Amino acid sequence: MVEPRAGGAVGTRPGSGGHYRLIEAGRGAASLGVMLFHSINTFPQGALPGALVHFRAITRWGWLGVHVFFAISGWCIAERLAKADSKGESAGHFTIERLLRIYPTYWAALIATIALRLAALPFNTAHVSESVPGSFSEWMGSVFLISPYIGRSPYIFVSWSLVYELGFYVCAAIALEASRRRMANGKTLFLLGCILCMTPWTVLGTPAPWRVLDLWPDFFAGVAAWWAVRRGVAHPGGFVALGLLLVLTIALPAYGGIGRLTAVGTAWALAIAWRWDRQLTRVPLMGPLIWIGGLSYSLYLIHIPVISPIENLLGRWIHSSSPWFIAVWAFSLAMAIAGAKCLNHFVEAPVNRWRKRAV
């Protein structure tokens, strides 16, 4: 699940007022990893040409990009909350702004996905009923991102992570309201976040509607990273929390495994690297990653609906084991990025501009 670029100063370097461009580079790397993972890791062993088989040995870890997104989201929401609190913003205003950031682009991607599946019907044996949500509850689950809570599978496969993202926003809104009502200060809320990382559900899992807390440590790792360097001054509490998360993740395999380790590692990188943001982003590779990072939310939503039919349809003429399939694969990636650019240009960016003016 991807934390999209937020309005205002989200993603800025603590205490500087400048844009923390490594956040964008991290999003770009994470979204590319997820896209590459889904592009070739669904093929059976031996069904790909040698070059892609070797490449798959690397891309099979691309799913970890989702955990990178969660940690980045924690950092950005922590900063967004700090600015909201300083301006006296209400929890309701914060929640509306966050929902507008998620839903319009997601709905556009949902419509595009349905359209692409229907357009592919003449080329396969699927029925119309198999290409759209099959019941009222499936429609509701897909439209409002509540599929896991009502026992349905999401229509857009990757949207499961947005369910957690929305849950994180609810937790953030509650924290903002508690602060506004002087029920708790920042230190108390931070301590509560630490406690939530050590509760049984982080290992055993939780039932709906508290399922968001299953991945709370991934999100809170980013919060702790921001707390550690807020206002440009190292704060021991944030680093202690990051250290505790690292110890728990390494010592307890059931605590989250490699996914949580990736989130915690990302948080540590954010906390350490921000001082060298300007120097690091001058590295030539960072430019393309930052550009992709700007499309990361759209790319995350649209890549499977674009890549899957291209590989399936062209694969009828060029078998996946043929060396020529590398061209099919590369073409599908290029079209996914082009689709993300279109979604960003025609929906995500205009909605964001309107949201910043109207909300």
Foldseek 3Di string as FASTA:
>chain_A
DAQADAPDQQQPQFQPSHHLLVLLLLLLQLLVLVLLLLQPVVDDPPQAAPVVVVVNVVSVPSPLSLLLRLLSLLQRLLVVLVVCLVVVHALVLLLVLSCLLPQQLLVVLLVVLLVLLVVCCVVDPDDNCVSHPNDPLQVVCQNVVCCVQVVHAHNQNLSVSVLLVSVVSVVSSVVSNCVSVVVDHPVVVLVVLLVLLPDPCCQVADHPPVRSSVCSLSNVLSNLLCVQQHSNHGDVVSVVSLVVQCCCVVVPVSNQHPSSVSSSVSSVCSNPCSVVSVVVCVPVVNVVSSVSSNLSVLLNRNLCSQSVVQLVNVCVVPGNHDPCVVVSSVVSVVVSSVRSVVSCVPTNVVSSVVSVVPD
